[in-house]
Amino acid sequence: MILRQYLHSDPIAISYMFGCAGHSAAAVVDPIGDITRYLDAGQRSGMRIRYVLDTHLHADHLSAGRALADAAGADYVLFADAEAAPSFRRVRDGDILDLGNVSIKVLHTPGHTPEHISLLVTDQTRSDEPWFVLTGHALMVGDLGRTELATNAEEGARALFRSVQRLKDLPDYLEVLPGAYSGSVCGRSLSGKPSSTIGFEKRHNKAFRVDDEEAFLRLMLTDIPPVPLRAAEMRAINAGISTAS
């Protein structure tokens, strides 16, 4: 297993490259900015980028997902029901993407946005059990993602509550690799630490701890941060149904 984490400061977000060196196969998740960093990293590692995934249609920044997929000859991957231009590989809950000895299981975790997915990653050279989960903006270190950027805030919060229950059912030891950290507009109480575990977040993440749905709604609908600049336009561009002006 090879894993690279890229911490971005403008915008504040996190991208990932990981894969199987033995089979020379890699995936990139939530890429931002200059795509040569990912292409060069793949070349240095001797790995071909097979999949480029966006966990969701971002509203706070421009994705480099489609451009990277085109340049690498990779599949660009979104959840099947994403309201986006049709030039992407559609995945559904439970689908498996193969990277040799590394596998990616898709978990549909809506709430931050309706099409949001998390990615459960297993390195079969070490164990048949998953090693980490990429949670995008659903579960981040210290908080959960806001719920009103792509739908009604209450509707999004109810969907996120159900997604949270799925994530809580994952093993406590599982590493959480989120899509953002402190300073992101997509959460309120985010930590500057860019990784955690399911168990630690169950103990210390205030929103993740809440088990009652109505209490969860009250928490998620209080003190919602200002909407990111050009949020709807950003989602449309990332969906491939609009162009940058």
C-alpha atoms as a PDB file:
ATOM      1  CA  MET A   1       0.000   0.000   0.000  1.00  0.00           C
ATOM      2  CA  ILE A   2       1.161   3.473  -0.899  1.00  0.00           C
ATOM      3  CA  LEU A   3      -0.710   6.428   0.631  1.00  0.00           C
ATOM      4  CA  ARG A   4      -0.093  10.134   0.088  1.00  0.00           C
ATOM      5  CA  GLN A   5      -2.062  12.889   1.822  1.00  0.00           C
ATOM      6  CA  TYR A   6      -2.077  16.403   0.330  1.00  0.00           C
ATOM      7  CA  LEU A   7      -3.030  19.260   2.658  1.00  0.00           C
ATOM      8  CA  HIS A   8      -4.239  22.311   0.732  1.00  0.00           C
ATOM      9  CA  SER A   9      -4.409  25.769   2.294  1.00  0.00           C
ATOM     10  CA  ASP A  10      -6.219  27.756  -0.422  1.00  0.00           C
ATOM     11  CA  PRO A  11      -8.842  26.369  -0.370  1.00  0.00           C
ATOM     12  CA  ILE A  12      -8.538  24.391   2.850  1.00  0.00           C
ATOM     13  CA  ALA A  13      -9.064  20.795   1.814  1.00  0.00           C
ATOM     14  CA  ILE A  14      -7.348  17.408   1.665  1.00  0.00           C
ATOM     15  CA  SER A  15      -6.638  15.185  -1.333  1.00  0.00           C
ATOM     16  CA  TYR A  16      -5.309  11.631  -1.389  1.00  0.00           C
ATOM     17  CA  MET A  17      -3.426   9.257  -3.636  1.00  0.00           C
ATOM     18  CA  PHE A  18      -3.183   5.597  -2.671  1.00  0.00           C
ATOM     19  CA  GLY A  19      -2.840   2.233  -4.296  1.00  0.00           C
ATOM     20  CA  CYS A  20      -1.047  -1.049  -4.804  1.00  0.00           C
ATOM     21  CA  ALA A  21       2.615  -0.803  -5.787  1.00  0.00           C
ATOM     22  CA  GLY A  22       2.743  -4.490  -6.650  1.00  0.00           C
ATOM     23  CA  HIS A  23       0.066  -4.054  -9.304  1.00  0.00           C
ATOM     24  CA  SER A  24       1.119  -0.487 -10.221  1.00  0.00           C
ATOM     25  CA  ALA A  25      -2.433   0.789  -9.706  1.00  0.00           C
ATOM     26  CA  ALA A  26      -3.518   3.948  -7.898  1.00  0.00           C
ATOM     27  CA  ALA A  27      -6.544   6.096  -7.131  1.00  0.00           C
ATOM     28  CA  VAL A  28      -6.739   9.820  -6.431  1.00  0.00           C
ATOM     29  CA  VAL A  29      -9.526  11.250  -4.271  1.00  0.00           C
ATOM     30  CA  ASP A  30     -10.767  14.858  -4.260  1.00  0.00           C
ATOM     31  CA  PRO A  31      -7.889  16.387  -6.280  1.00  0.00           C
ATOM     32  CA  ILE A  32      -7.447  20.159  -6.319  1.00  0.00           C
ATOM     33  CA  GLY A  33      -5.291  22.554  -8.280  1.00  0.00           C
ATOM     34  CA  ASP A  34      -2.287  21.623 -10.399  1.00  0.00           C
ATOM     35  CA  ILE A  35      -2.767  18.062 -11.634  1.00  0.00           C
ATOM     36  CA  THR A  36       0.956  17.576 -12.304  1.00  0.00           C
ATOM     37  CA  ARG A  37       1.547  16.902  -8.589  1.00  0.00           C
ATOM     38  CA  TYR A  38      -0.601  13.765  -8.855  1.00  0.00           C
ATOM     39  CA  LEU A  39       0.733  12.707 -12.252  1.00  0.00           C
ATOM     40  CA  ASP A  40       4.313  13.149 -11.059  1.00  0.00           C
ATOM     41  CA  ALA A  41       3.625  11.277  -7.811  1.00  0.00           C
ATOM     42  CA  GLY A  42       2.173   8.384  -9.759  1.00  0.00           C
ATOM     43  CA  GLN A  43       5.177   8.322 -12.068  1.00  0.00           C
ATOM     44  CA  ARG A  44       7.661   8.434  -9.176  1.00  0.00           C
ATOM     45  CA  SER A  45       5.812   5.577  -7.462  1.00  0.00           C
ATOM     46  CA  GLY A  46       5.604   3.551 -10.650  1.00  0.00           C
ATOM     47  CA  MET A  47       1.819   3.500 -10.486  1.00  0.00           C
ATOM     48  CA  ARG A  48      -0.808   4.203 -13.113  1.00  0.00           C
ATOM     49  CA  ILE A  49      -3.763   6.267 -11.899  1.00  0.00           C
ATOM     50  CA  ARG A  50      -6.802   4.092 -12.670  1.00  0.00           C
ATOM     51  CA  TYR A  51      -9.501   5.980 -10.794  1.00  0.00           C
ATOM     52  CA  VAL A  52     -10.066   9.620  -9.914  1.00  0.00           C
ATOM     53  CA  LEU A  53     -12.902  10.010  -7.422  1.00  0.00           C
ATOM     54  CA  ASP A  54     -14.710  13.021  -6.033  1.00  0.00           C
ATOM     55  CA  THR A  55     -16.492  12.193  -2.803  1.00  0.00           C
ATOM     56  CA  HIS A  56     -19.112  14.773  -3.812  1.00  0.00           C
ATOM     57  CA  LEU A  57     -19.715  17.808  -5.997  1.00  0.00           C
ATOM     58  CA  HIS A  58     -17.831  20.459  -4.062  1.00  0.00           C
ATOM     59  CA  ALA A  59     -19.353  23.881  -3.441  1.00  0.00           C
ATOM     60  CA  ASP A  60     -16.334  25.639  -1.922  1.00  0.00           C
ATOM     61  CA  HIS A  61     -13.679  25.057  -4.584  1.00  0.00           C
ATOM     62  CA  LEU A  62     -13.052  23.823  -8.098  1.00  0.00           C
ATOM     63  CA  SER A  63     -12.286  20.126  -8.448  1.00  0.00           C
ATOM     64  CA  ALA A  64      -9.420  18.950 -10.638  1.00  0.00           C
ATOM     65  CA  GLY A  65     -11.048  15.531 -10.916  1.00  0.00           C
ATOM     66  CA  ARG A  66     -12.179  15.559 -14.529  1.00  0.00           C
ATOM     67  CA  ALA A  67      -8.966  17.169 -15.788  1.00  0.00           C
ATOM     68  CA  LEU A  68      -6.800  14.682 -13.907  1.00  0.00           C
ATOM     69  CA  ALA A  69      -8.817  11.708 -15.120  1.00  0.00           C
ATOM     70  CA  ASP A  70      -8.511  12.915 -18.723  1.00  0.00           C
ATOM     71  CA  ALA A  71      -4.759  13.461 -18.419  1.00  0.00           C
ATOM     72  CA  ALA A  72      -4.138  10.104 -16.717  1.00  0.00           C
ATOM     73  CA  GLY A  73      -6.496   8.068 -18.898  1.00  0.00           C
ATOM     74  CA  ALA A  74      -8.370   7.137 -15.719  1.00  0.00           C
ATOM     75  CA  ASP A  75     -12.040   6.658 -14.885  1.00  0.00           C
ATOM     76  CA  TYR A  76     -13.628   9.716 -13.300  1.00  0.00           C
ATOM     77  CA  VAL A  77     -15.900   8.402 -10.552  1.00  0.00           C
ATOM     78  CA  LEU A  78     -18.968   9.905  -8.866  1.00  0.00           C
ATOM     79  CA  PHE A  79     -21.997   8.435  -7.145  1.00  0.00           C
ATOM     80  CA  ALA A  80     -24.462   7.165  -9.736  1.00  0.00           C
ATOM     81  CA  ASP A  81     -27.223   9.656  -8.909  1.00  0.00           C
ATOM     82  CA  ALA A  82     -25.005  12.749  -8.997  1.00  0.00           C
ATOM     83  CA  GLU A  83     -26.636  15.530 -10.996  1.00  0.00           C
ATOM     84  CA  ALA A  84     -23.670  15.916 -13.301  1.00  0.00           C
ATOM     85  CA  ALA A  85     -22.694  15.715 -16.941  1.00  0.00           C
ATOM     86  CA  PRO A  86     -22.808  12.045 -17.954  1.00  0.00           C
ATOM     87  CA  SER A  87     -19.088  11.626 -18.633  1.00  0.00           C
ATOM     88  CA  PHE A  88     -18.258   9.777 -15.409  1.00  0.00           C
ATOM     89  CA  ARG A  89     -18.173   6.240 -14.051  1.00  0.00           C
ATOM     90  CA  ARG A  90     -21.252   5.677 -11.924  1.00  0.00           C
ATOM     91  CA  VAL A  91     -20.844   3.817  -8.649  1.00  0.00           C
ATOM     92  CA  ARG A  92     -23.458   2.773  -6.120  1.00  0.00           C
ATOM     93  CA  ASP A  93     -23.459   1.784  -2.480  1.00  0.00           C
ATOM     94  CA  GLY A  94     -21.504  -1.438  -2.007  1.00  0.00           C
ATOM     95  CA  ASP A  95     -19.614  -1.290  -5.306  1.00  0.00           C
ATOM     96  CA  ILE A  96     -15.969  -2.375  -5.225  1.00  0.00           C
ATOM     97  CA  LEU A  97     -13.180  -0.714  -7.207  1.00  0.00           C
ATOM     98  CA  ASP A  98     -10.121  -2.940  -7.625  1.00  0.00           C
ATOM     99  CA  LEU A  99      -6.513  -1.784  -7.361  1.00  0.00           C
ATOM    100  CA  GLY A 100      -4.770  -5.150  -7.253  1.00  0.00           C
ATOM    101  CA  ASN A 101      -4.170  -5.989  -3.591  1.00  0.00           C
ATOM    102  CA  VAL A 102      -6.007  -2.815  -2.560  1.00  0.00           C
ATOM    103  CA  SER A 103      -9.783  -2.527  -2.827  1.00  0.00           C
ATOM    104  CA  ILE A 104     -12.158   0.413  -2.442  1.00  0.00           C
ATOM    105  CA  LYS A 105     -15.699  -0.191  -1.209  1.00  0.00           C
ATOM    106  CA  VAL A 106     -18.167   2.604  -1.916  1.00  0.00           C
ATOM    107  CA  LEU A 107     -20.432   3.726   0.929  1.00  0.00           C
ATOM    108  CA  HIS A 108     -23.215   6.148   0.044  1.00  0.00           C
ATOM    109  CA  THR A 109     -23.151   8.672   2.911  1.00  0.00           C
ATOM    110  CA  PRO A 110     -25.500  11.524   1.917  1.00  0.00           C
ATOM    111  CA  GLY A 111     -26.191  14.561   4.052  1.00  0.00           C
ATOM    112  CA  HIS A 112     -23.465  17.060   3.305  1.00  0.00           C
ATOM    113  CA  THR A 113     -24.700  16.612  -0.267  1.00  0.00           C
ATOM    114  CA  PRO A 114     -27.123  14.008  -1.690  1.00  0.00           C
ATOM    115  CA  GLU A 115     -24.454  12.307  -3.808  1.00  0.00           C
ATOM    116  CA  HIS A 116     -21.769  12.137  -1.113  1.00  0.00           C
ATOM    117  CA  ILE A 117     -19.793   8.899  -0.807  1.00  0.00           C
ATOM    118  CA  SER A 118     -17.210   7.578   1.632  1.00  0.00           C
ATOM    119  CA  LEU A 119     -14.552   5.066   0.611  1.00  0.00           C
ATOM    120  CA  LEU A 120     -13.658   2.029   2.701  1.00  0.00           C
ATOM    121  CA  VAL A 121     -10.134   0.885   1.795  1.00  0.00           C
ATOM    122  CA  THR A 122      -8.621  -2.560   2.402  1.00  0.00           C
ATOM    123  CA  ASP A 123      -5.036  -3.674   1.825  1.00  0.00           C
ATOM    124  CA  GLN A 124      -5.353  -7.407   1.362  1.00  0.00           C
ATOM    125  CA  THR A 125      -1.613  -7.992   1.797  1.00  0.00           C
ATOM    126  CA  ARG A 126      -2.124  -7.012   5.444  1.00  0.00           C
ATOM    127  CA  SER A 127      -5.668  -8.100   6.254  1.00  0.00           C
ATOM    128  CA  ASP A 128      -9.104  -8.843   4.879  1.00  0.00           C
ATOM    129  CA  GLU A 129     -10.366  -6.134   7.244  1.00  0.00           C
ATOM    130  CA  PRO A 130     -10.527  -2.493   6.084  1.00  0.00           C
ATOM    131  CA  TRP A 131      -7.651  -0.246   7.106  1.00  0.00           C
ATOM    132  CA  PHE A 132      -9.083   3.245   6.672  1.00  0.00           C
ATOM    133  CA  VAL A 133     -12.101   5.147   5.433  1.00  0.00           C
ATOM    134  CA  LEU A 134     -12.012   8.334   3.379  1.00  0.00           C
ATOM    135  CA  THR A 135     -14.998  10.296   4.662  1.00  0.00           C
ATOM    136  CA  GLY A 136     -14.931  13.443   2.529  1.00  0.00           C
ATOM    137  CA  HIS A 137     -17.043  16.136   4.180  1.00  0.00           C
ATOM    138  CA  ALA A 138     -19.440  13.759   5.939  1.00  0.00           C
ATOM    139  CA  LEU A 139     -17.257  12.985   8.965  1.00  0.00           C
ATOM    140  CA  MET A 140     -14.295  15.217   9.683  1.00  0.00           C
ATOM    141  CA  VAL A 141     -12.043  15.406  12.720  1.00  0.00           C
ATOM    142  CA  GLY A 142     -14.038  17.201  15.402  1.00  0.00           C
ATOM    143  CA  ASP A 143     -17.279  17.803  13.481  1.00  0.00           C
ATOM    144  CA  LEU A 144     -19.577  16.793  10.631  1.00  0.00           C
ATOM    145  CA  GLY A 145     -20.162  18.567   7.333  1.00  0.00           C
ATOM    146  CA  ARG A 146     -22.791  21.282   6.939  1.00  0.00           C
ATOM    147  CA  THR A 147     -26.003  20.111   5.270  1.00  0.00           C
ATOM    148  CA  GLU A 148     -27.564  22.995   3.311  1.00  0.00           C
ATOM    149  CA  LEU A 149     -25.242  23.529   0.338  1.00  0.00           C
ATOM    150  CA  ALA A 150     -27.091  21.223  -2.047  1.00  0.00           C
ATOM    151  CA  THR A 151     -30.500  20.747  -0.453  1.00  0.00           C
ATOM    152  CA  ASN A 152     -32.752  21.950   2.362  1.00  0.00           C
ATOM    153  CA  ALA A 153     -30.733  22.077   5.597  1.00  0.00           C
ATOM    154  CA  GLU A 154     -33.158  19.885   7.561  1.00  0.00           C
ATOM    155  CA  GLU A 155     -33.467  17.349   4.757  1.00  0.00           C
ATOM    156  CA  GLY A 156     -29.697  17.171   4.534  1.00  0.00           C
ATOM    157  CA  ALA A 157     -29.354  16.813   8.298  1.00  0.00           C
ATOM    158  CA  ARG A 158     -31.808  13.907   8.402  1.00  0.00           C
ATOM    159  CA  ALA A 159     -29.863  12.166   5.632  1.00  0.00           C
ATOM    160  CA  LEU A 160     -26.588  12.839   7.437  1.00  0.00           C
ATOM    161  CA  PHE A 161     -27.989  11.387  10.672  1.00  0.00           C
ATOM    162  CA  ARG A 162     -28.604   8.091   8.856  1.00  0.00           C
ATOM    163  CA  SER A 163     -25.143   8.221   7.284  1.00  0.00           C
ATOM    164  CA  VAL A 164     -23.585   8.821  10.691  1.00  0.00           C
ATOM    165  CA  GLN A 165     -25.179   5.638  12.016  1.00  0.00           C
ATOM    166  CA  ARG A 166     -23.514   3.676   9.201  1.00  0.00           C
ATOM    167  CA  LEU A 167     -20.143   5.224   9.944  1.00  0.00           C
ATOM    168  CA  LYS A 168     -20.523   4.524  13.666  1.00  0.00           C
ATOM    169  CA  ASP A 169     -21.006   0.846  12.844  1.00  0.00           C
ATOM    170  CA  LEU A 170     -17.513   0.687  11.364  1.00  0.00           C
ATOM    171  CA  PRO A 171     -14.759  -0.733  13.618  1.00  0.00           C
ATOM    172  CA  ASP A 172     -13.417   1.653  16.238  1.00  0.00           C
ATOM    173  CA  TYR A 173      -9.834   1.034  15.119  1.00  0.00           C
ATOM    174  CA  LEU A 174     -10.551   2.213  11.572  1.00  0.00           C
ATOM    175  CA  GLU A 175      -8.574   5.296  10.533  1.00  0.00           C
ATOM    176  CA  VAL A 176     -10.642   8.293   9.424  1.00  0.00           C
ATOM    177  CA  LEU A 177      -9.116  10.315   6.586  1.00  0.00           C
ATOM    178  CA  PRO A 178     -11.360  13.356   6.019  1.00  0.00           C
ATOM    179  CA  GLY A 179     -11.672  15.772   3.125  1.00  0.00           C
ATOM    180  CA  ALA A 180     -10.986  18.957   5.118  1.00  0.00           C
ATOM    181  CA  TYR A 181      -9.503  20.286   8.344  1.00  0.00           C
ATOM    182  CA  SER A 182      -9.639  23.389  10.551  1.00  0.00           C
ATOM    183  CA  GLY A 183     -10.484  26.545   8.617  1.00  0.00           C
ATOM    184  CA  SER A 184     -12.690  24.875   6.016  1.00  0.00           C
ATOM    185  CA  VAL A 185     -16.068  26.518   5.436  1.00  0.00           C
ATOM    186  CA  CYS A 186     -17.687  23.063   5.361  1.00  0.00           C
ATOM    187  CA  GLY A 187     -17.539  22.498   9.135  1.00  0.00           C
ATOM    188  CA  ARG A 188     -17.701  24.448  12.385  1.00  0.00           C
ATOM    189  CA  SER A 189     -15.472  22.826  15.006  1.00  0.00           C
ATOM    190  CA  LEU A 190     -12.885  21.134  12.860  1.00  0.00           C
ATOM    191  CA  SER A 191      -9.532  20.070  14.249  1.00  0.00           C
ATOM    192  CA  GLY A 192      -6.251  20.984  12.635  1.00  0.00           C
ATOM    193  CA  LYS A 193      -5.262  17.319  12.884  1.00  0.00           C
ATOM    194  CA  PRO A 194      -5.969  15.751   9.485  1.00  0.00           C
ATOM    195  CA  SER A 195      -6.751  12.196  10.631  1.00  0.00           C
ATOM    196  CA  SER A 196      -8.433  10.308  13.451  1.00  0.00           C
ATOM    197  CA  THR A 197     -10.205   7.006  14.126  1.00  0.00           C
ATOM    198  CA  ILE A 198     -13.849   6.032  14.285  1.00  0.00           C
ATOM    199  CA  GLY A 199     -13.464   5.229  17.973  1.00  0.00           C
ATOM    200  CA  PHE A 200     -11.891   8.561  18.887  1.00  0.00           C
ATOM    201  CA  GLU A 201     -14.560  10.507  17.009  1.00  0.00           C
ATOM    202  CA  LYS A 202     -17.310   8.486  18.720  1.00  0.00           C
ATOM    203  CA  ARG A 203     -15.855   9.598  22.061  1.00  0.00           C
ATOM    204  CA  HIS A 204     -14.890  13.197  21.340  1.00  0.00           C
ATOM    205  CA  ASN A 205     -16.750  14.532  18.277  1.00  0.00           C
ATOM    206  CA  LYS A 206     -19.802  16.339  19.661  1.00  0.00           C
ATOM    207  CA  ALA A 207     -21.990  15.965  16.565  1.00  0.00           C
ATOM    208  CA  PHE A 208     -20.879  12.381  15.869  1.00  0.00           C
ATOM    209  CA  ARG A 209     -21.796  11.371  19.444  1.00  0.00           C
ATOM    210  CA  VAL A 210     -25.464  12.381  19.226  1.00  0.00           C
ATOM    211  CA  ASP A 211     -27.768   9.337  19.010  1.00  0.00           C
ATOM    212  CA  ASP A 212     -31.174  11.063  19.055  1.00  0.00           C
ATOM    213  CA  GLU A 213     -32.310  12.309  15.639  1.00  0.00           C
ATOM    214  CA  GLU A 214     -34.188  15.384  16.869  1.00  0.00           C
ATOM    215  CA  ALA A 215     -31.270  16.438  19.069  1.00  0.00           C
ATOM    216  CA  PHE A 216     -28.995  15.897  16.075  1.00  0.00           C
ATOM    217  CA  LEU A 217     -31.182  18.163  13.933  1.00  0.00           C
ATOM    218  CA  ARG A 218     -31.140  20.924  16.546  1.00  0.00           C
ATOM    219  CA  LEU A 219     -27.354  20.744  16.728  1.00  0.00           C
ATOM    220  CA  MET A 220     -26.781  20.689  12.971  1.00  0.00           C
ATOM    221  CA  LEU A 221     -29.235  23.523  12.275  1.00  0.00           C
ATOM    222  CA  THR A 222     -27.658  25.876  14.823  1.00  0.00           C
ATOM    223  CA  ASP A 223     -24.884  28.338  13.961  1.00  0.00           C
ATOM    224  CA  ILE A 224     -24.635  27.352  10.303  1.00  0.00           C
ATOM    225  CA  PRO A 225     -21.639  29.202   8.783  1.00  0.00           C
ATOM    226  CA  PRO A 226     -22.137  31.689   5.928  1.00  0.00           C
ATOM    227  CA  VAL A 227     -22.586  30.129   2.510  1.00  0.00           C
ATOM    228  CA  PRO A 228     -19.281  29.926   0.573  1.00  0.00           C
ATOM    229  CA  LEU A 229     -18.855  32.493  -2.172  1.00  0.00           C
ATOM    230  CA  ARG A 230     -20.365  31.295  -5.491  1.00  0.00           C
ATOM    231  CA  ALA A 231     -21.359  27.948  -3.936  1.00  0.00           C
ATOM    232  CA  ALA A 232     -24.079  27.047  -6.454  1.00  0.00           C
ATOM    233  CA  GLU A 233     -21.837  28.087  -9.347  1.00  0.00           C
ATOM    234  CA  MET A 234     -18.961  25.987  -8.014  1.00  0.00           C
ATOM    235  CA  ARG A 235     -21.182  22.904  -7.801  1.00  0.00           C
ATOM    236  CA  ALA A 236     -22.436  23.471 -11.341  1.00  0.00           C
ATOM    237  CA  ILE A 237     -18.902  23.812 -12.697  1.00  0.00           C
ATOM    238  CA  ASN A 238     -17.752  20.700 -10.828  1.00  0.00           C
ATOM    239  CA  ALA A 239     -20.787  18.856 -12.170  1.00  0.00           C
ATOM    240  CA  GLY A 240     -19.673  19.697 -15.690  1.00  0.00           C
ATOM    241  CA  ILE A 241     -22.900  21.562 -16.475  1.00  0.00           C
ATOM    242  CA  SER A 242     -21.414  25.056 -16.351  1.00  0.00           C
ATOM    243  CA  THR A 243     -18.069  26.644 -17.114  1.00  0.00           C
ATOM    244  CA  ALA A 244     -15.874  28.987 -15.094  1.00  0.00           C
ATOM    245  CA  SER A 245     -16.368  32.637 -15.923  1.00  0.00           C
END
